C-alpha cells in the first residue's frame, strides 16, 4: 500500500490561515477545523509567522500546485470566511432579538 501524498499549501493559504488566528482572534482549533487542517500544522505556521519565518516555509519544495489543488484551497478559504460571517450574523440576530423584548 502506497503512503498518502503530503499536502502542499500555497503561501497565500498559509498567510490567510495565520491571519484568521492572529488578526481575527479565532482559536487555532477553530481555524484548523474550518480549514480541514491539522491543529499542529496551523500551530507551526503561527509560531513561524510570529518569528517572521513563515514566508520561507517549504521554499525548497519544487512540486507545482495543480489547478485543482489551488481551487480547493481557494474554496476552503472562502468557506472559512462564509462560516465566520454566518456566525457573526447569528450573534447579531440573537442580540437584536434580545433588544426587542
PDB file of N, CA and C in Angstrom:
ATOM      1  N   UNK A   1       0.841  -1.178   0.000  1.00  0.00           N
ATOM      2  CA  UNK A   1       0.000   0.000   0.000  1.00  0.00           C
ATOM      3  C   UNK A   1       0.886   1.242   0.000  1.00  0.00           C
ATOM      4  N   UNK A   2       0.585   2.187  -0.903  1.00  0.00           N
ATOM      5  CA  UNK A   2       1.388   3.386  -1.009  1.00  0.00           C
ATOM      6  C   UNK A   2       0.974   4.389   0.069  1.00  0.00           C
ATOM      7  N   UNK A   3       1.945   5.142   0.600  1.00  0.00           N
ATOM      8  CA  UNK A   3       1.583   6.161   1.579  1.00  0.00           C
ATOM      9  C   UNK A   3       0.818   7.304   0.911  1.00  0.00           C
ATOM     10  N   UNK A   4       0.030   8.000   1.702  1.00  0.00           N
ATOM     11  CA  UNK A   4      -0.713   9.138   1.184  1.00  0.00           C
ATOM     12  C   UNK A   4       0.249  10.262   0.824  1.00  0.00           C
ATOM     13  N   UNK A   5      -0.041  11.005  -0.233  1.00  0.00           N
ATOM     14  CA  UNK A   5       0.842  12.115  -0.579  1.00  0.00           C
ATOM     15  C   UNK A   5       0.735  13.232   0.455  1.00  0.00           C
ATOM     16  N   UNK A   6       1.825  13.924   0.646  1.00  0.00           N
ATOM     17  CA  UNK A   6       1.868  15.016   1.607  1.00  0.00           C
ATOM     18  C   UNK A   6       1.131  16.218   1.030  1.00  0.00           C
ATOM     19  N   UNK A   7       0.331  16.870   1.869  1.00  0.00           N
ATOM     20  CA  UNK A   7      -0.409  18.034   1.404  1.00  0.00           C
ATOM     21  C   UNK A   7       0.530  19.202   1.174  1.00  0.00           C
ATOM     22  N   UNK A   8       0.258  19.950   0.136  1.00  0.00           N
ATOM     23  CA  UNK A   8       1.033  21.141  -0.181  1.00  0.00           C
ATOM     24  C   UNK A   8       0.085  22.326  -0.163  1.00  0.00           C
ATOM     25  N   UNK A   9       0.417  23.341   0.618  1.00  0.00           N
ATOM     26  CA  UNK A   9      -0.416  24.526   0.734  1.00  0.00           C
ATOM     27  C   UNK A   9       0.311  25.725   0.142  1.00  0.00           C
ATOM     28  N   UNK A  10      -0.443  26.598  -0.491  1.00  0.00           N
ATOM     29  CA  UNK A  10       0.155  27.788  -1.071  1.00  0.00           C
ATOM     30  C   UNK A  10       0.519  28.774   0.040  1.00  0.00           C
ATOM     31  N   UNK A  11       1.423  29.696  -0.290  1.00  0.00           N
ATOM     32  CA  UNK A  11       1.802  30.724   0.680  1.00  0.00           C
ATOM     33  C   UNK A  11       0.597  31.548   1.088  1.00  0.00           C
ATOM     34  N   UNK A  12      -0.239  31.885   0.105  1.00  0.00           N
ATOM     35  CA  UNK A  12      -1.422  32.695   0.392  1.00  0.00           C
ATOM     36  C   UNK A  12      -2.345  31.991   1.368  1.00  0.00           C
ATOM     37  N   UNK A  13      -2.525  30.681   1.190  1.00  0.00           N
ATOM     38  CA  UNK A  13      -3.387  29.913   2.082  1.00  0.00           C
ATOM     39  C   UNK A  13      -2.834  29.932   3.506  1.00  0.00           C
ATOM     40  N   UNK A  14      -1.502  29.729   3.640  1.00  0.00           N
ATOM     41  CA  UNK A  14      -0.882  29.744   4.965  1.00  0.00           C
ATOM     42  C   UNK A  14      -1.038  31.110   5.630  1.00  0.00           C
ATOM     43  N   UNK A  15      -0.778  32.180   4.866  1.00  0.00           N
ATOM     44  CA  UNK A  15      -0.890  33.524   5.431  1.00  0.00           C
ATOM     45  C   UNK A  15      -2.323  33.836   5.854  1.00  0.00           C
ATOM     46  N   UNK A  16      -3.301  33.433   5.050  1.00  0.00           N
ATOM     47  CA  UNK A  16      -4.696  33.683   5.396  1.00  0.00           C
ATOM     48  C   UNK A  16      -5.114  32.883   6.636  1.00  0.00           C
ATOM     49  N   UNK A  17      -4.639  31.657   6.751  1.00  0.00           N
ATOM     50  CA  UNK A  17      -4.961  30.847   7.928  1.00  0.00           C
ATOM     51  C   UNK A  17      -4.377  31.482   9.185  1.00  0.00           C
ATOM     52  N   UNK A  18      -3.139  31.947   9.086  1.00  0.00           N
ATOM     53  CA  UNK A  18      -2.490  32.598  10.236  1.00  0.00           C
ATOM     54  C   UNK A  18      -3.193  33.905  10.560  1.00  0.00           C
ATOM     55  N   UNK A  19      -3.633  34.626   9.529  1.00  0.00           N
ATOM     56  CA  UNK A  19      -4.329  35.894   9.752  1.00  0.00           C
ATOM     57  C   UNK A  19      -5.628  35.679  10.528  1.00  0.00           C
ATOM     58  N   UNK A  20      -6.322  34.580  10.241  1.00  0.00           N
ATOM     59  CA  UNK A  20      -7.554  34.284  10.980  1.00  0.00           C
ATOM     60  C   UNK A  20      -7.272  34.105  12.471  1.00  0.00           C
ATOM     61  N   UNK A  21      -6.125  33.522  12.790  1.00  0.00           N
ATOM     62  CA  UNK A  21      -5.774  33.299  14.194  1.00  0.00           C
ATOM     63  C   UNK A  21      -5.312  34.597  14.849  1.00  0.00           C
ATOM     64  N   UNK A  22      -4.391  35.297  14.197  1.00  0.00           N
ATOM     65  CA  UNK A  22      -3.757  36.453  14.820  1.00  0.00           C
ATOM     66  C   UNK A  22      -4.651  37.688  14.779  1.00  0.00           C
ATOM     67  N   UNK A  23      -5.178  38.029  13.599  1.00  0.00           N
ATOM     68  CA  UNK A  23      -5.928  39.274  13.462  1.00  0.00           C
ATOM     69  C   UNK A  23      -7.404  39.132  13.822  1.00  0.00           C
ATOM     70  N   UNK A  24      -8.009  38.005  13.467  1.00  0.00           N
ATOM     71  CA  UNK A  24      -9.432  37.823  13.726  1.00  0.00           C
ATOM     72  C   UNK A  24      -9.715  37.322  15.138  1.00  0.00           C
ATOM     73  N   UNK A  25      -8.683  36.804  15.801  1.00  0.00           N
ATOM     74  CA  UNK A  25      -8.850  36.358  17.174  1.00  0.00           C
ATOM     75  C   UNK A  25      -9.510  35.001  17.326  1.00  0.00           C
ATOM     76  N   UNK A  26      -9.620  34.241  16.249  1.00  0.00           N
ATOM     77  CA  UNK A  26     -10.192  32.901  16.360  1.00  0.00           C
ATOM     78  C   UNK A  26      -9.165  31.961  16.974  1.00  0.00           C
ATOM     79  N   UNK A  27      -9.643  30.918  17.614  1.00  0.00           N
ATOM     80  CA  UNK A  27      -8.716  29.956  18.192  1.00  0.00           C
ATOM     81  C   UNK A  27      -8.101  29.108  17.085  1.00  0.00           C
ATOM     82  N   UNK A  28      -6.928  28.571  17.377  1.00  0.00           N
ATOM     83  CA  UNK A  28      -6.260  27.734  16.391  1.00  0.00           C
ATOM     84  C   UNK A  28      -7.079  26.490  16.091  1.00  0.00           C
ATOM     85  N   UNK A  29      -7.714  25.944  17.104  1.00  0.00           N
ATOM     86  CA  UNK A  29      -8.535  24.741  16.899  1.00  0.00           C
ATOM     87  C   UNK A  29      -9.703  25.038  15.956  1.00  0.00           C
ATOM     88  N   UNK A  30     -10.343  26.200  16.123  1.00  0.00           N
ATOM     89  CA  UNK A  30     -11.479  26.577  15.294  1.00  0.00           C
ATOM     90  C   UNK A  30     -11.052  26.772  13.837  1.00  0.00           C
ATOM     91  N   UNK A  31      -9.952  27.488  13.627  1.00  0.00           N
ATOM     92  CA  UNK A  31      -9.461  27.728  12.269  1.00  0.00           C
ATOM     93  C   UNK A  31      -9.041  26.407  11.620  1.00  0.00           C
ATOM     94  N   UNK A  32      -8.350  25.572  12.367  1.00  0.00           N
ATOM     95  CA  UNK A  32      -7.912  24.277  11.827  1.00  0.00           C
ATOM     96  C   UNK A  32      -9.118  23.425  11.438  1.00  0.00           C
ATOM     97  N   UNK A  33     -10.149  23.453  12.254  1.00  0.00           N
ATOM     98  CA  UNK A  33     -11.360  22.682  11.948  1.00  0.00           C
ATOM     99  C   UNK A  33     -12.035  23.227  10.706  1.00  0.00           C
ATOM    100  N   UNK A  34     -12.151  24.544  10.621  1.00  0.00           N
ATOM    101  CA  UNK A  34     -12.822  25.156   9.473  1.00  0.00           C
ATOM    102  C   UNK A  34     -12.083  24.901   8.166  1.00  0.00           C
ATOM    103  N   UNK A  35     -10.760  24.924   8.215  1.00  0.00           N
ATOM    104  CA  UNK A  35      -9.965  24.761   7.001  1.00  0.00           C
ATOM    105  C   UNK A  35      -9.535  23.321   6.756  1.00  0.00           C
ATOM    106  N   UNK A  36      -9.985  22.421   7.614  1.00  0.00           N
ATOM    107  CA  UNK A  36      -9.639  20.997   7.488  1.00  0.00           C
ATOM    108  C   UNK A  36      -8.130  20.782   7.524  1.00  0.00           C
ATOM    109  N   UNK A  37      -7.487  21.434   8.505  1.00  0.00           N
ATOM    110  CA  UNK A  37      -6.049  21.327   8.715  1.00  0.00           C
ATOM    111  C   UNK A  37      -5.781  20.603  10.016  1.00  0.00           C
ATOM    112  N   UNK A  38      -4.582  20.120  10.145  1.00  0.00           N
ATOM    113  CA  UNK A  38      -4.137  19.610  11.435  1.00  0.00           C
ATOM    114  C   UNK A  38      -3.855  20.811  12.331  1.00  0.00           C
ATOM    115  N   UNK A  39      -4.271  20.727  13.597  1.00  0.00           N
ATOM    116  CA  UNK A  39      -4.002  21.844  14.510  1.00  0.00           C
ATOM    117  C   UNK A  39      -2.500  22.015  14.742  1.00  0.00           C
ATOM    118  N   UNK A  40      -1.757  20.941  14.617  1.00  0.00           N
ATOM    119  CA  UNK A  40      -0.301  21.040  14.772  1.00  0.00           C
ATOM    120  C   UNK A  40       0.321  21.810  13.609  1.00  0.00           C
ATOM    121  N   UNK A  41      -0.193  21.591  12.413  1.00  0.00           N
ATOM    122  CA  UNK A  41       0.307  22.318  11.244  1.00  0.00           C
ATOM    123  C   UNK A  41       0.034  23.803  11.397  1.00  0.00           C
ATOM    124  N   UNK A  42      -1.192  24.143  11.771  1.00  0.00           N
ATOM    125  CA  UNK A  42      -1.543  25.545  11.946  1.00  0.00           C
ATOM    126  C   UNK A  42      -0.729  26.181  13.062  1.00  0.00           C
ATOM    127  N   UNK A  43      -0.522  25.458  14.152  1.00  0.00           N
ATOM    128  CA  UNK A  43       0.279  25.982  15.257  1.00  0.00           C
ATOM    129  C   UNK A  43       1.706  26.283  14.791  1.00  0.00           C
ATOM    130  N   UNK A  44       2.249  25.398  13.972  1.00  0.00           N
ATOM    131  CA  UNK A  44       3.602  25.614  13.438  1.00  0.00           C
ATOM    132  C   UNK A  44       3.640  26.877  12.588  1.00  0.00           C
ATOM    133  N   UNK A  45       2.622  27.075  11.747  1.00  0.00           N
ATOM    134  CA  UNK A  45       2.572  28.264  10.907  1.00  0.00           C
ATOM    135  C   UNK A  45       2.479  29.537  11.753  1.00  0.00           C
ATOM    136  N   UNK A  46       1.677  29.496  12.820  1.00  0.00           N
ATOM    137  CA  UNK A  46       1.523  30.676  13.677  1.00  0.00           C
ATOM    138  C   UNK A  46       2.841  30.995  14.365  1.00  0.00           C
ATOM    139  N   UNK A  47       3.521  29.980  14.879  1.00  0.00           N
ATOM    140  CA  UNK A  47       4.812  30.189  15.543  1.00  0.00           C
ATOM    141  C   UNK A  47       5.823  30.762  14.553  1.00  0.00           C
ATOM    142  N   UNK A  48       5.874  30.195  13.348  1.00  0.00           N
ATOM    143  CA  UNK A  48       6.797  30.694  12.330  1.00  0.00           C
ATOM    144  C   UNK A  48       6.445  32.113  11.903  1.00  0.00           C
ATOM    145  N   UNK A  49       5.163  32.423  11.835  1.00  0.00           N
ATOM    146  CA  UNK A  49       4.744  33.764  11.447  1.00  0.00           C
ATOM    147  C   UNK A  49       5.167  34.792  12.497  1.00  0.00           C
ATOM    148  N   UNK A  50       4.986  34.452  13.749  1.00  0.00           N
ATOM    149  CA  UNK A  50       5.380  35.379  14.817  1.00  0.00           C
ATOM    150  C   UNK A  50       6.887  35.579  14.854  1.00  0.00           C
ATOM    151  N   UNK A  51       7.634  34.581  14.374  1.00  0.00           N
ATOM    152  CA  UNK A  51       9.091  34.701  14.303  1.00  0.00           C
ATOM    153  C   UNK A  51       9.531  35.337  12.987  1.00  0.00           C
ATOM    154  N   UNK A  52       8.583  35.616  12.089  1.00  0.00           N
ATOM    155  CA  UNK A  52       8.900  36.230  10.810  1.00  0.00           C
ATOM    156  C   UNK A  52       9.487  35.281   9.793  1.00  0.00           C
ATOM    157  N   UNK A  53       9.239  33.990   9.948  1.00  0.00           N
ATOM    158  CA  UNK A  53       9.846  32.993   9.066  1.00  0.00           C
ATOM    159  C   UNK A  53       8.827  32.205   8.245  1.00  0.00           C
ATOM    160  N   UNK A  54       7.582  32.625   8.230  1.00  0.00           N
ATOM    161  CA  UNK A  54       6.553  31.861   7.525  1.00  0.00           C
ATOM    162  C   UNK A  54       6.763  31.882   6.020  1.00  0.00           C
ATOM    163  N   UNK A  55       7.297  32.961   5.482  1.00  0.00           N
ATOM    164  CA  UNK A  55       7.486  33.071   4.031  1.00  0.00           C
ATOM    165  C   UNK A  55       8.479  32.035   3.509  1.00  0.00           C
ATOM    166  N   UNK A  56       9.415  31.589   4.334  1.00  0.00           N
ATOM    167  CA  UNK A  56      10.428  30.638   3.892  1.00  0.00           C
ATOM    168  C   UNK A  56      10.033  29.187   4.034  1.00  0.00           C
ATOM    169  N   UNK A  57       8.850  28.903   4.547  1.00  0.00           N
ATOM    170  CA  UNK A  57       8.418  27.520   4.739  1.00  0.00           C
ATOM    171  C   UNK A  57       8.249  26.861   3.380  1.00  0.00           C
ATOM    172  N   UNK A  58       8.795  25.695   3.243  1.00  0.00           N
ATOM    173  CA  UNK A  58       8.695  24.884   2.024  1.00  0.00           C
ATOM    174  C   UNK A  58       9.265  25.584   0.791  1.00  0.00           C
ATOM    175  N   UNK A  59      10.207  26.485   0.977  1.00  0.00           N
ATOM    176  CA  UNK A  59      10.801  27.185  -0.165  1.00  0.00           C
ATOM    177  C   UNK A  59      11.599  26.215  -1.033  1.00  0.00           C
ATOM    178  N   UNK A  60      12.089  25.124  -0.439  1.00  0.00           N
ATOM    179  CA  UNK A  60      12.882  24.147  -1.188  1.00  0.00           C
ATOM    180  C   UNK A  60      12.023  23.260  -2.064  1.00  0.00           C
ATOM    181  N   UNK A  61      10.769  23.160  -1.741  1.00  0.00           N
ATOM    182  CA  UNK A  61       9.872  22.255  -2.444  1.00  0.00           C
ATOM    183  C   UNK A  61       9.598  22.775  -3.850  1.00  0.00           C
ATOM    184  N   UNK A  62       9.722  21.917  -4.830  1.00  0.00           N
ATOM    185  CA  UNK A  62       9.528  22.335  -6.218  1.00  0.00           C
ATOM    186  C   UNK A  62       8.300  21.692  -6.841  1.00  0.00           C
ATOM    187  N   UNK A  63       7.477  21.039  -6.061  1.00  0.00           N
ATOM    188  CA  UNK A  63       6.288  20.402  -6.596  1.00  0.00           C
ATOM    189  C   UNK A  63       5.272  21.492  -6.925  1.00  0.00           C
ATOM    190  N   UNK A  64       4.877  21.611  -8.186  1.00  0.00           N
ATOM    191  CA  UNK A  64       3.912  22.651  -8.528  1.00  0.00           C
ATOM    192  C   UNK A  64       2.522  22.300  -8.006  1.00  0.00           C
ATOM    193  N   UNK A  65       1.798  23.309  -7.638  1.00  0.00           N
ATOM    194  CA  UNK A  65       0.430  23.110  -7.176  1.00  0.00           C
ATOM    195  C   UNK A  65      -0.454  23.107  -8.406  1.00  0.00           C
ATOM    196  N   UNK A  66      -1.213  22.049  -8.556  1.00  0.00           N
ATOM    197  CA  UNK A  66      -2.099  21.930  -9.705  1.00  0.00           C
ATOM    198  C   UNK A  66      -3.291  22.852  -9.600  1.00  0.00           C
ATOM    199  N   UNK A  67      -4.004  23.006 -10.674  1.00  0.00           N
ATOM    200  CA  UNK A  67      -5.147  23.909 -10.684  1.00  0.00           C
ATOM    201  C   UNK A  67      -6.241  23.421  -9.741  1.00  0.00           C
ATOM    202  N   UNK A  68      -6.411  22.109  -9.617  1.00  0.00           N
ATOM    203  CA  UNK A  68      -7.424  21.585  -8.702  1.00  0.00           C
ATOM    204  C   UNK A  68      -7.070  21.867  -7.244  1.00  0.00           C
ATOM    205  N   UNK A  69      -5.795  21.704  -6.897  1.00  0.00           N
ATOM    206  CA  UNK A  69      -5.370  21.987  -5.534  1.00  0.00           C
ATOM    207  C   UNK A  69      -5.506  23.468  -5.216  1.00  0.00           C
ATOM    208  N   UNK A  70      -5.165  24.310  -6.184  1.00  0.00           N
ATOM    209  CA  UNK A  70      -5.289  25.755  -5.977  1.00  0.00           C
ATOM    210  C   UNK A  70      -6.752  26.137  -5.800  1.00  0.00           C
ATOM    211  N   UNK A  71      -7.613  25.564  -6.609  1.00  0.00           N
ATOM    212  CA  UNK A  71      -9.035  25.854  -6.488  1.00  0.00           C
ATOM    213  C   UNK A  71      -9.580  25.349  -5.158  1.00  0.00           C
ATOM    214  N   UNK A  72      -9.135  24.169  -4.738  1.00  0.00           N
ATOM    215  CA  UNK A  72      -9.580  23.611  -3.469  1.00  0.00           C
ATOM    216  C   UNK A  72      -9.179  24.508  -2.303  1.00  0.00           C
ATOM    217  N   UNK A  73      -7.936  24.978  -2.297  1.00  0.00           N
ATOM    218  CA  UNK A  73      -7.503  25.848  -1.199  1.00  0.00           C
ATOM    219  C   UNK A  73      -8.265  27.162  -1.221  1.00  0.00           C
ATOM    220  N   UNK A  74      -8.549  27.686  -2.412  1.00  0.00           N
ATOM    221  CA  UNK A  74      -9.334  28.924  -2.509  1.00  0.00           C
ATOM    222  C   UNK A  74     -10.739  28.709  -1.965  1.00  0.00           C
ATOM    223  N   UNK A  75     -11.346  27.593  -2.314  1.00  0.00           N
ATOM    224  CA  UNK A  75     -12.695  27.299  -1.829  1.00  0.00           C
ATOM    225  C   UNK A  75     -12.722  27.098  -0.320  1.00  0.00           C
ATOM    226  N   UNK A  76     -11.690  26.456   0.232  1.00  0.00           N
ATOM    227  CA  UNK A  76     -11.620  26.287   1.683  1.00  0.00           C
ATOM    228  C   UNK A  76     -11.530  27.639   2.381  1.00  0.00           C
ATOM    229  N   UNK A  77     -10.768  28.538   1.785  1.00  0.00           N
ATOM    230  CA  UNK A  77     -10.635  29.874   2.367  1.00  0.00           C
ATOM    231  C   UNK A  77     -11.980  30.604   2.318  1.00  0.00           C
ATOM    232  N   UNK A  78     -12.675  30.506   1.188  1.00  0.00           N
ATOM    233  CA  UNK A  78     -13.982  31.146   1.063  1.00  0.00           C
ATOM    234  C   UNK A  78     -14.984  30.562   2.053  1.00  0.00           C
ATOM    235  N   UNK A  79     -14.944  29.256   2.237  1.00  0.00           N
ATOM    236  CA  UNK A  79     -15.841  28.610   3.194  1.00  0.00           C
ATOM    237  C   UNK A  79     -15.569  29.120   4.603  1.00  0.00           C
ATOM    238  N   UNK A  80     -14.296  29.276   4.957  1.00  0.00           N
ATOM    239  CA  UNK A  80     -13.953  29.775   6.286  1.00  0.00           C
ATOM    240  C   UNK A  80     -14.495  31.182   6.484  1.00  0.00           C
ATOM    241  N   UNK A  81     -14.379  32.023   5.473  1.00  0.00           N
ATOM    242  CA  UNK A  81     -14.888  33.399   5.573  1.00  0.00           C
ATOM    243  C   UNK A  81     -16.406  33.385   5.691  1.00  0.00           C
ATOM    244  N   UNK A  82     -17.075  32.574   4.897  1.00  0.00           N
ATOM    245  CA  UNK A  82     -18.530  32.496   4.945  1.00  0.00           C
ATOM    246  C   UNK A  82     -19.026  31.980   6.290  1.00  0.00           C
ATOM    247  N   UNK A  83     -18.334  30.996   6.852  1.00  0.00           N
ATOM    248  CA  UNK A  83     -18.734  30.492   8.170  1.00  0.00           C
ATOM    249  C   UNK A  83     -18.563  31.562   9.233  1.00  0.00           C
ATOM    250  N   UNK A  84     -17.495  32.325   9.131  1.00  0.00           N
ATOM    251  CA  UNK A  84     -17.267  33.407  10.093  1.00  0.00           C
ATOM    252  C   UNK A  84     -18.375  34.448   9.974  1.00  0.00           C
ATOM    253  N   UNK A  85     -18.741  34.816   8.744  1.00  0.00           N
ATOM    254  CA  UNK A  85     -19.821  35.772   8.533  1.00  0.00           C
ATOM    255  C   UNK A  85     -21.141  35.229   9.065  1.00  0.00           C
ATOM    256  N   UNK A  86     -21.394  33.946   8.842  1.00  0.00           N
ATOM    257  CA  UNK A  86     -22.618  33.328   9.340  1.00  0.00           C
ATOM    258  C   UNK A  86     -22.676  33.398  10.864  1.00  0.00           C
ATOM    259  N   UNK A  87     -21.551  33.107  11.521  1.00  0.00           N
ATOM    260  CA  UNK A  87     -21.514  33.140  12.974  1.00  0.00           C
ATOM    261  C   UNK A  87     -21.777  34.550  13.497  1.00  0.00           C
ATOM    262  N   UNK A  88     -21.220  35.543  12.816  1.00  0.00           N
ATOM    263  CA  UNK A  88     -21.449  36.934  13.223  1.00  0.00           C
ATOM    264  C   UNK A  88     -22.922  37.287  13.064  1.00  0.00           C
ATOM    265  N   UNK A  89     -23.537  36.875  11.964  1.00  0.00           N
ATOM    266  CA  UNK A  89     -24.954  37.162  11.749  1.00  0.00           C
ATOM    267  C   UNK A  89     -25.841  36.472  12.779  1.00  0.00           C
ATOM    268  N   UNK A  90     -25.477  35.252  13.169  1.00  0.00           N
ATOM    269  CA  UNK A  90     -26.242  34.553  14.212  1.00  0.00           C
ATOM    270  C   UNK A  90     -26.191  35.322  15.519  1.00  0.00           C
ATOM    271  N   UNK A  91     -24.997  35.790  15.885  1.00  0.00           N
ATOM    272  CA  UNK A  91     -24.841  36.540  17.126  1.00  0.00           C
ATOM    273  C   UNK A  91     -25.594  37.864  17.064  1.00  0.00           C
ATOM    274  N   UNK A  92     -25.563  38.533  15.913  1.00  0.00           N
ATOM    275  CA  UNK A  92     -26.272  39.803  15.768  1.00  0.00           C
ATOM    276  C   UNK A  92     -27.772  39.591  15.856  1.00  0.00           C
ATOM    277  N   UNK A  93     -28.263  38.518  15.248  1.00  0.00           N
ATOM    278  CA  UNK A  93     -29.688  38.213  15.320  1.00  0.00           C
ATOM    279  C   UNK A  93     -30.122  37.972  16.750  1.00  0.00           C
ATOM    280  N   UNK A  94     -29.350  37.219  17.495  1.00  0.00           N
ATOM    281  CA  UNK A  94     -29.685  36.960  18.893  1.00  0.00           C
ATOM    282  C   UNK A  94     -29.634  38.251  19.714  1.00  0.00           C
ATOM    283  N   UNK A  95     -28.662  39.086  19.437  1.00  0.00           N
ATOM    284  CA  UNK A  95     -28.527  40.358  20.160  1.00  0.00           C
ATOM    285  C   UNK A  95     -29.744  41.241  19.930  1.00  0.00           C
ATOM    286  N   UNK A  96     -30.150  41.416  18.665  1.00  0.00           N
ATOM    287  CA  UNK A  96     -31.275  42.264  18.345  1.00  0.00           C
ATOM    288  C   UNK A  96     -32.611  41.658  18.789  1.00  0.00           C
ATOM    289  N   UNK A  97     -32.681  40.334  18.838  1.00  0.00           N
ATOM    290  CA  UNK A  97     -33.878  39.683  19.350  1.00  0.00           C
ATOM    291  C   UNK A  97     -34.053  39.979  20.836  1.00  0.00           C
ATOM    292  N   UNK A  98     -32.931  40.009  21.563  1.00  0.00           N
ATOM    293  CA  UNK A  98     -32.997  40.334  23.000  1.00  0.00           C
ATOM    294  C   UNK A  98     -33.356  41.797  23.222  1.00  0.00           C
ATOM    295  N   UNK A  99     -32.931  42.672  22.335  1.00  0.00           N
ATOM    296  CA  UNK A  99     -33.244  44.089  22.472  1.00  0.00           C
ATOM    297  C   UNK A  99     -34.723  44.374  22.252  1.00  0.00           C
ATOM    298  N   UNK A 100     -35.350  43.607  21.371  1.00  0.00           N
ATOM    299  CA  UNK A 100     -36.758  43.852  21.044  1.00  0.00           C
ATOM    300  C   UNK A 100     -37.707  43.368  22.130  1.00  0.00           C
ATOM    301  N   UNK A 101     -37.215  42.602  23.074  1.00  0.00           N
ATOM    302  CA  UNK A 101     -38.081  42.091  24.155  1.00  0.00           C
ATOM    303  C   UNK A 101     -38.321  43.101  25.207  1.00  0.00           C
TER     304      UNK A 101
END
